[in-house]
């Protein structure tokens, strides 16, 4: 690290001024560049921000979805589907949007060129996960707002529990996407893996059948997956209960395991 010193009129040298650390400066540069590129990705923005909200509006327009269902504990189907669309935003961001971007960089040799700079793999992964995480949170806010204002869906009654479950679910989704990107050498492979993971993830999140409406045996199996546990935790917080610790522990375990695997296996080439 270099320092710069000057002397004032009295000839006394002031305290040395440290030059910016190259690694920190590189992280900031990567974050700015990735954010600029992400804003130009119309497909990613539509998938993350608009698709979950559009699905919520379509489902809410069906009269049967606005009627109470005894099988769901007396709530309406539209009430059960707001947490589903929240998870759908995470799936779109983590599995569909982020992996093709990173594997595209690898395929075009951009990562190889970045390896000759002070940038580390963790800086690029952190930038992508941070940007997509913010986009997911914006989509979550849109889903909750539309659900409340258009279909009179109650906002989360257990706010702290909801935020904990939401944060863990977002980390799981983005870490899963980072893991896919770390193992896929090309965009085609990334898209293929993403497609294989996408539909089971949507099923576990409750897109076709809400988790609380699944048969007991199936629900127990789904609850050990990150999106199944996330769906249950978010539903419990929406109804005013603190999410079950078993669901939070499942989410935390997946978050740690997926993040660790992605960081371990991600390579420039």
Foldseek 3Di string as FASTA:
>chain_A
DDWDWDADPVRDIDDTDDDDDQAVVVLVVLLVVVLVVVVVPPVLLCQQAPPLQVVLVVLLVDVQQLAFDVLLVRHGNSLLCLQLSLLSSLLSLAQPPQLLVLLACLVVCVLVVVVVGSYDPVSNLVSSLVSSLVSSVNNNVSSQVCCCPPSNHAAFQQVVLLVLLSVLLNLLSNLLSLLLNLPDNHSVSSVVVSVVVRVVLSVLLQVPHRLSNDPPVVSVVSLLDLNNLSSQSNSCRRVNHRGDVVSSVSSVVSSVVSNVNSVVRHDSD
